[in-house]
């Protein structure tokens, strides 16, 4: 990411921390988890495929990160989203 915007990683990390109050790695993880929600709700990819697609180190790391952020597992989220869609 730093190379893409033409800066060093430490410089980019400091800028992200100053602007958003998050470490760069935390910001990236947050973005991944937002994308996860969309993929779980609007795609038929498996949880394993989503985990790999978004470059989590493992499926268990993905599931733990998701549950820590949203309070439910990715599977529970997907089921609740499907249930909501069927009601509408």
C-alpha atoms as a PDB file:
ATOM      1  CA  UNK A   1       0.000   0.000   0.000  1.00  0.00           C
ATOM      2  CA  UNK A   2       2.798   2.404   0.895  1.00  0.00           C
ATOM      3  CA  UNK A   3       4.581   1.752  -2.393  1.00  0.00           C
ATOM      4  CA  UNK A   4       1.335   2.288  -4.297  1.00  0.00           C
ATOM      5  CA  UNK A   5       0.941   5.802  -2.876  1.00  0.00           C
ATOM      6  CA  UNK A   6       4.653   6.566  -3.155  1.00  0.00           C
ATOM      7  CA  UNK A   7       5.544   6.695   0.543  1.00  0.00           C
ATOM      8  CA  UNK A   8       7.450   4.581   3.000  1.00  0.00           C
ATOM      9  CA  UNK A   9       5.528   2.277   5.311  1.00  0.00           C
ATOM     10  CA  UNK A  10       6.552   4.150   8.491  1.00  0.00           C
ATOM     11  CA  UNK A  11       5.470   7.474   6.972  1.00  0.00           C
ATOM     12  CA  UNK A  12       2.124   6.067   5.850  1.00  0.00           C
ATOM     13  CA  UNK A  13       1.609   4.417   9.247  1.00  0.00           C
ATOM     14  CA  UNK A  14       2.181   7.730  11.035  1.00  0.00           C
ATOM     15  CA  UNK A  15      -0.220   9.560   8.701  1.00  0.00           C
ATOM     16  CA  UNK A  16      -2.976   6.952   9.164  1.00  0.00           C
ATOM     17  CA  UNK A  17      -2.484   7.001  12.938  1.00  0.00           C
ATOM     18  CA  UNK A  18      -2.664  10.804  13.018  1.00  0.00           C
ATOM     19  CA  UNK A  19      -5.751  11.054  10.764  1.00  0.00           C
ATOM     20  CA  UNK A  20      -7.761   8.027  11.933  1.00  0.00           C
ATOM     21  CA  UNK A  21      -6.365   7.212  15.347  1.00  0.00           C
ATOM     22  CA  UNK A  22      -5.689   3.647  14.209  1.00  0.00           C
ATOM     23  CA  UNK A  23      -2.524   1.743  13.437  1.00  0.00           C
ATOM     24  CA  UNK A  24      -2.199   0.979   9.742  1.00  0.00           C
ATOM     25  CA  UNK A  25      -2.648  -2.751  10.359  1.00  0.00           C
ATOM     26  CA  UNK A  26      -5.811  -2.085  12.410  1.00  0.00           C
ATOM     27  CA  UNK A  27      -7.172   0.155   9.643  1.00  0.00           C
ATOM     28  CA  UNK A  28      -6.528  -2.531   7.018  1.00  0.00           C
ATOM     29  CA  UNK A  29      -8.179  -5.165   9.230  1.00  0.00           C
ATOM     30  CA  UNK A  30     -11.194  -2.906   9.722  1.00  0.00           C
ATOM     31  CA  UNK A  31     -11.524  -2.444   5.946  1.00  0.00           C
ATOM     32  CA  UNK A  32     -11.286  -6.204   5.419  1.00  0.00           C
ATOM     33  CA  UNK A  33     -14.010  -6.852   7.985  1.00  0.00           C
ATOM     34  CA  UNK A  34     -16.340  -4.358   6.280  1.00  0.00           C
ATOM     35  CA  UNK A  35     -15.733  -6.126   2.967  1.00  0.00           C
ATOM     36  CA  UNK A  36     -16.335  -9.463   4.702  1.00  0.00           C
ATOM     37  CA  UNK A  37     -19.827  -8.383   5.691  1.00  0.00           C
ATOM     38  CA  UNK A  38     -20.687  -7.566   2.084  1.00  0.00           C
ATOM     39  CA  UNK A  39     -19.241 -10.832   0.797  1.00  0.00           C
ATOM     40  CA  UNK A  40     -21.105 -12.835   3.431  1.00  0.00           C
ATOM     41  CA  UNK A  41     -24.380 -11.074   2.698  1.00  0.00           C
ATOM     42  CA  UNK A  42     -24.227 -10.785  -1.079  1.00  0.00           C
ATOM     43  CA  UNK A  43     -22.104 -13.643  -2.394  1.00  0.00           C
ATOM     44  CA  UNK A  44     -22.228 -17.398  -2.286  1.00  0.00           C
ATOM     45  CA  UNK A  45     -18.514 -17.744  -1.506  1.00  0.00           C
ATOM     46  CA  UNK A  46     -17.728 -20.001   1.410  1.00  0.00           C
ATOM     47  CA  UNK A  47     -16.304 -18.562   4.607  1.00  0.00           C
ATOM     48  CA  UNK A  48     -13.015 -20.247   3.770  1.00  0.00           C
ATOM     49  CA  UNK A  49     -12.960 -18.641   0.320  1.00  0.00           C
ATOM     50  CA  UNK A  50     -13.724 -15.211   1.796  1.00  0.00           C
ATOM     51  CA  UNK A  51     -10.983 -15.648   4.381  1.00  0.00           C
ATOM     52  CA  UNK A  52      -8.466 -16.538   1.677  1.00  0.00           C
ATOM     53  CA  UNK A  53      -9.697 -13.854  -0.733  1.00  0.00           C
ATOM     54  CA  UNK A  54      -9.155 -11.122   1.864  1.00  0.00           C
ATOM     55  CA  UNK A  55      -5.760 -12.533   2.884  1.00  0.00           C
ATOM     56  CA  UNK A  56      -6.448 -13.440   6.490  1.00  0.00           C
ATOM     57  CA  UNK A  57      -3.655 -15.619   7.843  1.00  0.00           C
ATOM     58  CA  UNK A  58      -6.144 -18.426   8.540  1.00  0.00           C
ATOM     59  CA  UNK A  59      -9.858 -19.098   8.613  1.00  0.00           C
ATOM     60  CA  UNK A  60      -9.788 -19.239  12.407  1.00  0.00           C
ATOM     61  CA  UNK A  61      -8.097 -15.817  12.552  1.00  0.00           C
ATOM     62  CA  UNK A  62     -10.794 -14.461  10.241  1.00  0.00           C
ATOM     63  CA  UNK A  63     -13.581 -15.930  12.366  1.00  0.00           C
ATOM     64  CA  UNK A  64     -12.071 -14.637  15.618  1.00  0.00           C
ATOM     65  CA  UNK A  65     -11.528 -11.153  14.168  1.00  0.00           C
ATOM     66  CA  UNK A  66     -15.085 -11.053  12.833  1.00  0.00           C
ATOM     67  CA  UNK A  67     -16.573 -12.196  16.141  1.00  0.00           C
ATOM     68  CA  UNK A  68     -14.440  -9.725  18.110  1.00  0.00           C
ATOM     69  CA  UNK A  69     -15.666  -6.867  15.892  1.00  0.00           C
ATOM     70  CA  UNK A  70     -19.350  -7.786  15.454  1.00  0.00           C
ATOM     71  CA  UNK A  71     -20.119 -10.108  18.349  1.00  0.00           C
ATOM     72  CA  UNK A  72     -21.263 -12.992  16.137  1.00  0.00           C
ATOM     73  CA  UNK A  73     -19.547 -15.523  13.918  1.00  0.00           C
ATOM     74  CA  UNK A  74     -19.440 -15.061  10.145  1.00  0.00           C
ATOM     75  CA  UNK A  75     -21.827 -17.995   9.733  1.00  0.00           C
ATOM     76  CA  UNK A  76     -24.327 -16.506  12.184  1.00  0.00           C
ATOM     77  CA  UNK A  77     -24.058 -13.175  10.349  1.00  0.00           C
ATOM     78  CA  UNK A  78     -24.678 -14.841   6.992  1.00  0.00           C
ATOM     79  CA  UNK A  79     -27.702 -16.723   8.320  1.00  0.00           C
ATOM     80  CA  UNK A  80     -29.162 -13.555   9.866  1.00  0.00           C
ATOM     81  CA  UNK A  81     -28.646 -11.643   6.611  1.00  0.00           C
ATOM     82  CA  UNK A  82     -30.318 -14.426   4.602  1.00  0.00           C
ATOM     83  CA  UNK A  83     -33.205 -14.456   7.061  1.00  0.00           C
ATOM     84  CA  UNK A  84     -33.594 -10.662   6.755  1.00  0.00           C
ATOM     85  CA  UNK A  85     -33.536 -10.855   2.949  1.00  0.00           C
ATOM     86  CA  UNK A  86     -36.221 -13.547   2.911  1.00  0.00           C
ATOM     87  CA  UNK A  87     -38.461 -11.402   5.138  1.00  0.00           C
ATOM     88  CA  UNK A  88     -38.198  -8.451   2.755  1.00  0.00           C
END
